[in-house]
Amino acid sequence: MNYKKLISSRLSNFPTMPTDKSGAIVGLLAGLAVGAVIGVLFAPDSGKRTRERISDKALDLADNVKDGFHSIKDNINNGKQSLGGLKNQVVDNVKTKVNSVSQEFKEFRDTELEKAKSAIKNTADDANDAIQKA
């Protein structure tokens, strides 16, 4: 029996792993923190010194998490500001285009209106001339 084919066929039935790695990163950080605490607890230091080191490590970890949070918050705010600027730029471009098209339409309308008035006047003049000759 071909075990390689059997194993690969069985593994292909399992759903693929998600591409989101945030859970793995959180697990890695939690494992590092637990490992650091266990390492400090089993280190040959006095109890007071060990507690101080655990406290220092916990404060460092809290500071790192806080810094990461602020960094993400700043990135979101920067993205929000750039999107706001882009929105304003698009709105200004649309307003400019609308004003341009509106002006072109008004000029076209006025030109066509003058042509129509001129044609009506010429027709009226021709009719008047025909009546006068008759």
N, C-alpha and C. Protein backbone atom coordinates (compact mmCIF):
# COMPACT_ATOMS: atom_id res chain seq x y z
N MET A 1 0.85 -1.17 0.00
CA MET A 1 0.00 0.00 0.00
C MET A 1 0.90 1.24 0.00
N ASN A 2 0.49 2.26 -0.76
CA ASN A 2 1.28 3.48 -0.87
C ASN A 2 0.84 4.45 0.22
N TYR A 3 1.63 4.53 1.27
CA TYR A 3 1.28 5.36 2.42
C TYR A 3 1.37 6.85 2.12
N LYS A 4 2.30 7.22 1.28
CA LYS A 4 2.44 8.65 0.95
C LYS A 4 1.17 9.17 0.28
N LYS A 5 0.63 8.39 -0.66
CA LYS A 5 -0.60 8.80 -1.34
C LYS A 5 -1.77 8.84 -0.37
N LEU A 6 -1.83 7.85 0.52
CA LEU A 6 -2.91 7.79 1.49
C LEU A 6 -2.87 8.99 2.43
N ILE A 7 -1.69 9.28 2.92
CA ILE A 7 -1.55 10.42 3.85
C ILE A 7 -1.87 11.73 3.15
N SER A 8 -1.35 11.91 1.93
CA SER A 8 -1.62 13.17 1.22
C SER A 8 -3.10 13.30 0.87
N SER A 9 -3.76 12.20 0.54
CA SER A 9 -5.18 12.29 0.23
C SER A 9 -6.00 12.61 1.47
N ARG A 10 -5.59 12.05 2.61
CA ARG A 10 -6.31 12.34 3.87
C ARG A 10 -6.08 13.78 4.32
N LEU A 11 -4.87 14.26 4.14
CA LEU A 11 -4.56 15.63 4.55
C LEU A 11 -5.22 16.65 3.64
N SER A 12 -5.46 16.29 2.39
CA SER A 12 -6.09 17.24 1.48
C SER A 12 -7.55 17.48 1.84
N ASN A 13 -8.16 16.59 2.62
CA ASN A 13 -9.55 16.77 3.04
C ASN A 13 -9.69 17.78 4.17
N PHE A 14 -8.60 18.07 4.89
CA PHE A 14 -8.66 19.04 5.97
C PHE A 14 -8.69 20.45 5.40
N PRO A 15 -9.43 21.34 6.06
CA PRO A 15 -9.45 22.72 5.57
C PRO A 15 -8.07 23.35 5.73
N THR A 16 -7.76 24.28 4.86
CA THR A 16 -6.46 24.94 4.92
C THR A 16 -6.41 25.86 6.13
N MET A 17 -5.21 26.14 6.55
CA MET A 17 -5.01 27.02 7.70
C MET A 17 -5.35 28.45 7.31
N PRO A 18 -5.96 29.21 8.20
CA PRO A 18 -6.24 30.60 7.87
C PRO A 18 -4.94 31.39 7.74
N THR A 19 -4.99 32.44 6.96
CA THR A 19 -3.79 33.25 6.75
C THR A 19 -3.60 34.28 7.85
N ASP A 20 -4.56 34.42 8.74
CA ASP A 20 -4.44 35.37 9.84
C ASP A 20 -3.47 34.81 10.87
N LYS A 21 -2.38 35.52 11.10
CA LYS A 21 -1.33 35.05 11.99
C LYS A 21 -1.39 35.73 13.36
N SER A 22 -2.41 36.53 13.62
CA SER A 22 -2.47 37.25 14.89
C SER A 22 -2.58 36.29 16.07
N GLY A 23 -3.33 35.21 15.91
CA GLY A 23 -3.45 34.23 16.99
C GLY A 23 -2.12 33.58 17.30
N ALA A 24 -1.35 33.29 16.28
CA ALA A 24 -0.03 32.68 16.49
C ALA A 24 0.90 33.66 17.19
N ILE A 25 0.82 34.92 16.82
CA ILE A 25 1.68 35.93 17.45
C ILE A 25 1.30 36.10 18.92
N VAL A 26 0.01 36.15 19.22
CA VAL A 26 -0.43 36.26 20.61
C VAL A 26 0.02 35.04 21.40
N GLY A 27 -0.12 33.86 20.81
CA GLY A 27 0.33 32.64 21.47
C GLY A 27 1.82 32.65 21.72
N LEU A 28 2.58 33.12 20.75
CA LEU A 28 4.03 33.21 20.90
C LEU A 28 4.40 34.16 22.03
N LEU A 29 3.77 35.34 22.06
CA LEU A 29 4.06 36.31 23.12
C LEU A 29 3.67 35.77 24.49
N ALA A 30 2.51 35.10 24.57
CA ALA A 30 2.09 34.52 25.84
C ALA A 30 3.07 33.44 26.28
N GLY A 31 3.52 32.62 25.35
CA GLY A 31 4.50 31.58 25.68
C GLY A 31 5.82 32.17 26.15
N LEU A 32 6.24 33.25 25.50
CA LEU A 32 7.46 33.92 25.93
C LEU A 32 7.31 34.47 27.34
N ALA A 33 6.16 35.07 27.63
CA ALA A 33 5.94 35.64 28.95
C ALA A 33 5.93 34.54 30.01
N VAL A 34 5.22 33.46 29.73
CA VAL A 34 5.17 32.34 30.69
C VAL A 34 6.56 31.75 30.87
N GLY A 35 7.30 31.60 29.79
CA GLY A 35 8.65 31.07 29.88
C GLY A 35 9.56 31.96 30.69
N ALA A 36 9.41 33.28 30.51
CA ALA A 36 10.24 34.21 31.28
C ALA A 36 9.91 34.12 32.77
N VAL A 37 8.63 34.04 33.09
CA VAL A 37 8.22 33.95 34.50
C VAL A 37 8.73 32.64 35.11
N ILE A 38 8.58 31.55 34.40
CA ILE A 38 9.06 30.26 34.93
C ILE A 38 10.58 30.28 35.08
N GLY A 39 11.26 30.87 34.11
CA GLY A 39 12.72 30.96 34.20
C GLY A 39 13.17 31.78 35.39
N VAL A 40 12.47 32.85 35.64
CA VAL A 40 12.82 33.69 36.79
C VAL A 40 12.50 32.97 38.09
N LEU A 41 11.37 32.26 38.12
CA LEU A 41 11.00 31.55 39.35
C LEU A 41 12.00 30.46 39.71
N PHE A 42 12.56 29.81 38.72
CA PHE A 42 13.50 28.73 38.99
C PHE A 42 14.95 29.22 39.04
N ALA A 43 15.17 30.48 38.88
CA ALA A 43 16.53 31.02 38.94
C ALA A 43 16.98 31.03 40.41
N PRO A 44 18.26 30.88 40.61
CA PRO A 44 18.76 30.83 42.00
C PRO A 44 18.93 32.22 42.61
N ASP A 45 17.83 32.95 42.73
CA ASP A 45 17.85 34.26 43.39
C ASP A 45 16.95 34.20 44.61
N SER A 46 17.08 35.25 45.43
CA SER A 46 16.21 35.32 46.61
C SER A 46 14.79 35.59 46.18
N GLY A 47 13.83 35.33 47.05
CA GLY A 47 12.42 35.54 46.74
C GLY A 47 12.12 36.99 46.43
N LYS A 48 12.72 37.90 47.20
CA LYS A 48 12.47 39.33 46.99
C LYS A 48 13.00 39.75 45.62
N ARG A 49 14.19 39.31 45.28
CA ARG A 49 14.80 39.65 43.99
C ARG A 49 13.98 39.04 42.85
N THR A 50 13.50 37.84 43.03
CA THR A 50 12.69 37.17 42.01
C THR A 50 11.39 37.92 41.79
N ARG A 51 10.74 38.32 42.86
CA ARG A 51 9.50 39.08 42.72
C ARG A 51 9.76 40.42 42.02
N GLU A 52 10.87 41.06 42.35
CA GLU A 52 11.20 42.33 41.68
C GLU A 52 11.42 42.11 40.19
N ARG A 53 12.10 41.04 39.84
CA ARG A 53 12.35 40.76 38.43
C ARG A 53 11.04 40.45 37.70
N ILE A 54 10.16 39.68 38.34
CA ILE A 54 8.85 39.39 37.73
C ILE A 54 8.07 40.68 37.54
N SER A 55 8.10 41.52 38.55
CA SER A 55 7.39 42.80 38.47
C SER A 55 7.97 43.66 37.35
N ASP A 56 9.31 43.71 37.27
CA ASP A 56 9.95 44.50 36.21
C ASP A 56 9.58 43.97 34.83
N LYS A 57 9.62 42.65 34.68
CA LYS A 57 9.27 42.05 33.38
C LYS A 57 7.81 42.32 33.03
N ALA A 58 6.92 42.24 34.03
CA ALA A 58 5.50 42.50 33.78
C ALA A 58 5.30 43.95 33.36
N LEU A 59 6.00 44.88 34.02
CA LEU A 59 5.90 46.29 33.65
C LEU A 59 6.45 46.53 32.25
N ASP A 60 7.57 45.87 31.93
CA ASP A 60 8.13 46.00 30.59
C ASP A 60 7.15 45.47 29.54
N LEU A 61 6.54 44.34 29.84
CA LEU A 61 5.57 43.76 28.91
C LEU A 61 4.37 44.70 28.74
N ALA A 62 3.90 45.26 29.84
CA ALA A 62 2.77 46.19 29.77
C ALA A 62 3.15 47.42 28.95
N ASP A 63 4.38 47.92 29.14
CA ASP A 63 4.83 49.07 28.35
C ASP A 63 4.92 48.73 26.87
N ASN A 64 5.42 47.54 26.57
CA ASN A 64 5.52 47.13 25.17
C ASN A 64 4.14 47.01 24.53
N VAL A 65 3.19 46.44 25.26
CA VAL A 65 1.82 46.33 24.74
C VAL A 65 1.22 47.71 24.54
N LYS A 66 1.45 48.60 25.50
CA LYS A 66 0.92 49.96 25.40
C LYS A 66 1.54 50.69 24.20
N ASP A 67 2.86 50.52 24.01
CA ASP A 67 3.53 51.15 22.87
C ASP A 67 2.98 50.60 21.55
N GLY A 68 2.77 49.29 21.50
CA GLY A 68 2.21 48.69 20.30
C GLY A 68 0.81 49.21 20.02
N PHE A 69 0.03 49.34 21.06
CA PHE A 69 -1.34 49.86 20.91
C PHE A 69 -1.30 51.29 20.38
N HIS A 70 -0.43 52.12 20.95
CA HIS A 70 -0.33 53.51 20.50
C HIS A 70 0.17 53.59 19.07
N SER A 71 1.08 52.70 18.71
CA SER A 71 1.58 52.67 17.33
C SER A 71 0.46 52.33 16.37
N ILE A 72 -0.34 51.33 16.70
CA ILE A 72 -1.48 50.95 15.85
C ILE A 72 -2.48 52.09 15.78
N LYS A 73 -2.74 52.72 16.91
CA LYS A 73 -3.68 53.84 16.96
C LYS A 73 -3.19 54.99 16.07
N ASP A 74 -1.88 55.29 16.14
CA ASP A 74 -1.32 56.35 15.31
C ASP A 74 -1.42 56.01 13.83
N ASN A 75 -1.17 54.74 13.49
CA ASN A 75 -1.29 54.32 12.09
C ASN A 75 -2.72 54.47 11.60
N ILE A 76 -3.68 54.13 12.44
CA ILE A 76 -5.09 54.26 12.05
C ILE A 76 -5.44 55.74 11.87
N ASN A 77 -4.98 56.58 12.79
CA ASN A 77 -5.27 58.02 12.67
C ASN A 77 -4.63 58.60 11.42
N ASN A 78 -3.40 58.19 11.12
CA ASN A 78 -2.74 58.69 9.91
C ASN A 78 -3.51 58.25 8.67
N GLY A 79 -3.95 56.99 8.66
CA GLY A 79 -4.74 56.51 7.54
C GLY A 79 -6.06 57.25 7.41
N LYS A 80 -6.67 57.54 8.55
CA LYS A 80 -7.93 58.27 8.56
C LYS A 80 -7.73 59.68 8.00
N GLN A 81 -6.64 60.33 8.40
CA GLN A 81 -6.36 61.68 7.91
C GLN A 81 -6.08 61.68 6.41
N SER A 82 -5.32 60.68 5.95
CA SER A 82 -5.02 60.64 4.52
C SER A 82 -6.28 60.34 3.71
N LEU A 83 -7.18 59.50 4.27
CA LEU A 83 -8.45 59.25 3.58
C LEU A 83 -9.31 60.50 3.54
N GLY A 84 -9.28 61.27 4.64
CA GLY A 84 -10.03 62.53 4.65
C GLY A 84 -9.50 63.50 3.61
N GLY A 85 -8.18 63.58 3.50
CA GLY A 85 -7.58 64.44 2.48
C GLY A 85 -7.92 63.98 1.08
N LEU A 86 -7.90 62.67 0.87
CA LEU A 86 -8.24 62.12 -0.44
C LEU A 86 -9.70 62.40 -0.77
N LYS A 87 -10.57 62.28 0.25
CA LYS A 87 -12.00 62.56 0.04
C LYS A 87 -12.18 64.01 -0.38
N ASN A 88 -11.51 64.94 0.30
CA ASN A 88 -11.62 66.35 -0.05
C ASN A 88 -11.12 66.62 -1.46
N GLN A 89 -10.03 65.96 -1.82
CA GLN A 89 -9.48 66.13 -3.16
C GLN A 89 -10.46 65.62 -4.22
N VAL A 90 -11.08 64.48 -3.98
CA VAL A 90 -12.05 63.92 -4.94
C VAL A 90 -13.26 64.84 -5.04
N VAL A 91 -13.74 65.34 -3.89
CA VAL A 91 -14.90 66.24 -3.91
C VAL A 91 -14.57 67.51 -4.70
N ASP A 92 -13.38 68.06 -4.48
CA ASP A 92 -12.99 69.26 -5.23
C ASP A 92 -12.90 68.99 -6.72
N ASN A 93 -12.36 67.83 -7.09
CA ASN A 93 -12.27 67.46 -8.51
C ASN A 93 -13.66 67.32 -9.13
N VAL A 94 -14.58 66.69 -8.40
CA VAL A 94 -15.94 66.53 -8.91
C VAL A 94 -16.61 67.89 -9.06
N LYS A 95 -16.45 68.77 -8.09
CA LYS A 95 -17.04 70.11 -8.17
C LYS A 95 -16.50 70.86 -9.39
N THR A 96 -15.19 70.77 -9.61
CA THR A 96 -14.57 71.44 -10.75
C THR A 96 -15.14 70.90 -12.06
N LYS A 97 -15.26 69.58 -12.16
CA LYS A 97 -15.80 68.97 -13.38
C LYS A 97 -17.26 69.38 -13.59
N VAL A 98 -18.05 69.38 -12.52
CA VAL A 98 -19.47 69.76 -12.63
C VAL A 98 -19.58 71.21 -13.08
N ASN A 99 -18.77 72.09 -12.51
CA ASN A 99 -18.82 73.50 -12.91
C ASN A 99 -18.41 73.66 -14.37
N SER A 100 -17.39 72.92 -14.78
CA SER A 100 -16.93 73.00 -16.16
C SER A 100 -18.01 72.52 -17.13
N VAL A 101 -18.61 71.37 -16.84
CA VAL A 101 -19.66 70.83 -17.71
C VAL A 101 -20.87 71.75 -17.71
N SER A 102 -21.20 72.31 -16.56
CA SER A 102 -22.35 73.22 -16.47
C SER A 102 -22.10 74.46 -17.34
N GLN A 103 -20.90 74.99 -17.27
CA GLN A 103 -20.56 76.17 -18.08
C GLN A 103 -20.61 75.83 -19.57
N GLU A 104 -20.08 74.67 -19.94
CA GLU A 104 -20.12 74.25 -21.34
C GLU A 104 -21.56 74.10 -21.81
N PHE A 105 -22.41 73.53 -20.96
CA PHE A 105 -23.82 73.36 -21.33
C PHE A 105 -24.49 74.71 -21.51
N LYS A 106 -24.22 75.66 -20.61
CA LYS A 106 -24.83 76.99 -20.73
C LYS A 106 -24.40 77.66 -22.03
N GLU A 107 -23.11 77.53 -22.36
CA GLU A 107 -22.63 78.13 -23.62
C GLU A 107 -23.28 77.45 -24.82
N PHE A 108 -23.39 76.13 -24.79
CA PHE A 108 -24.04 75.40 -25.88
C PHE A 108 -25.51 75.81 -26.00
N ARG A 109 -26.20 75.89 -24.85
CA ARG A 109 -27.62 76.28 -24.84
C ARG A 109 -27.79 77.67 -25.42
N ASP A 110 -26.93 78.62 -24.99
CA ASP A 110 -27.05 79.99 -25.49
C ASP A 110 -26.79 80.06 -27.00
N THR A 111 -25.79 79.31 -27.46
CA THR A 111 -25.47 79.29 -28.89
C THR A 111 -26.65 78.72 -29.69
N GLU A 112 -27.18 77.59 -29.22
CA GLU A 112 -28.30 76.96 -29.92
C GLU A 112 -29.55 77.84 -29.87
N LEU A 113 -29.76 78.52 -28.76
CA LEU A 113 -30.91 79.42 -28.63
C LEU A 113 -30.78 80.57 -29.63
N GLU A 114 -29.58 81.11 -29.76
CA GLU A 114 -29.37 82.20 -30.72
C GLU A 114 -29.59 81.71 -32.15
N LYS A 115 -29.13 80.47 -32.44
CA LYS A 115 -29.35 79.90 -33.77
C LYS A 115 -30.84 79.75 -34.03
N ALA A 116 -31.58 79.23 -33.03
CA ALA A 116 -33.02 79.05 -33.19
C ALA A 116 -33.72 80.39 -33.38
N LYS A 117 -33.35 81.41 -32.62
CA LYS A 117 -33.94 82.74 -32.76
C LYS A 117 -33.66 83.32 -34.14
N SER A 118 -32.42 83.11 -34.57
CA SER A 118 -32.05 83.62 -35.89
C SER A 118 -32.84 82.90 -36.98
N ALA A 119 -32.99 81.59 -36.85
CA ALA A 119 -33.75 80.83 -37.85
C ALA A 119 -35.21 81.27 -37.86
N ILE A 120 -35.79 81.48 -36.69
CA ILE A 120 -37.19 81.93 -36.60
C ILE A 120 -37.33 83.32 -37.21
N LYS A 121 -36.37 84.20 -36.93
CA LYS A 121 -36.43 85.57 -37.47
C LYS A 121 -36.32 85.53 -38.98
N ASN A 122 -35.38 84.69 -39.48
CA ASN A 122 -35.22 84.58 -40.93
C ASN A 122 -36.50 84.02 -41.57
N THR A 123 -37.11 83.02 -40.94
CA THR A 123 -38.35 82.45 -41.46
C THR A 123 -39.47 83.50 -41.44
N ALA A 124 -39.53 84.26 -40.34
CA ALA A 124 -40.55 85.31 -40.24
C ALA A 124 -40.31 86.39 -41.29
N ASP A 125 -39.04 86.76 -41.51
CA ASP A 125 -38.72 87.77 -42.52
C ASP A 125 -39.08 87.25 -43.92
N ASP A 126 -38.77 85.97 -44.16
CA ASP A 126 -39.10 85.38 -45.47
C ASP A 126 -40.62 85.36 -45.66
N ALA A 127 -41.34 84.99 -44.60
CA ALA A 127 -42.81 84.97 -44.70
C ALA A 127 -43.34 86.38 -44.92
N ASN A 128 -42.80 87.34 -44.24
CA ASN A 128 -43.22 88.73 -44.38
C ASN A 128 -42.94 89.22 -45.80
N ASP A 129 -41.77 88.87 -46.34
CA ASP A 129 -41.43 89.26 -47.70
C ASP A 129 -42.40 88.62 -48.70
N ALA A 130 -42.72 87.32 -48.44
CA ALA A 130 -43.64 86.62 -49.35
C ALA A 130 -45.03 87.25 -49.29
N ILE A 131 -45.46 87.66 -48.10
CA ILE A 131 -46.79 88.30 -47.97
C ILE A 131 -46.78 89.66 -48.68
N GLN A 132 -45.69 90.38 -48.52
CA GLN A 132 -45.62 91.71 -49.12
C GLN A 132 -45.60 91.63 -50.65
N LYS A 133 -44.97 90.59 -51.19
CA LYS A 133 -44.92 90.44 -52.64
C LYS A 133 -46.25 89.92 -53.19
N ALA A 134 -47.00 89.31 -52.39
CA ALA A 134 -48.25 88.74 -52.88
C ALA A 134 -49.37 89.70 -52.97
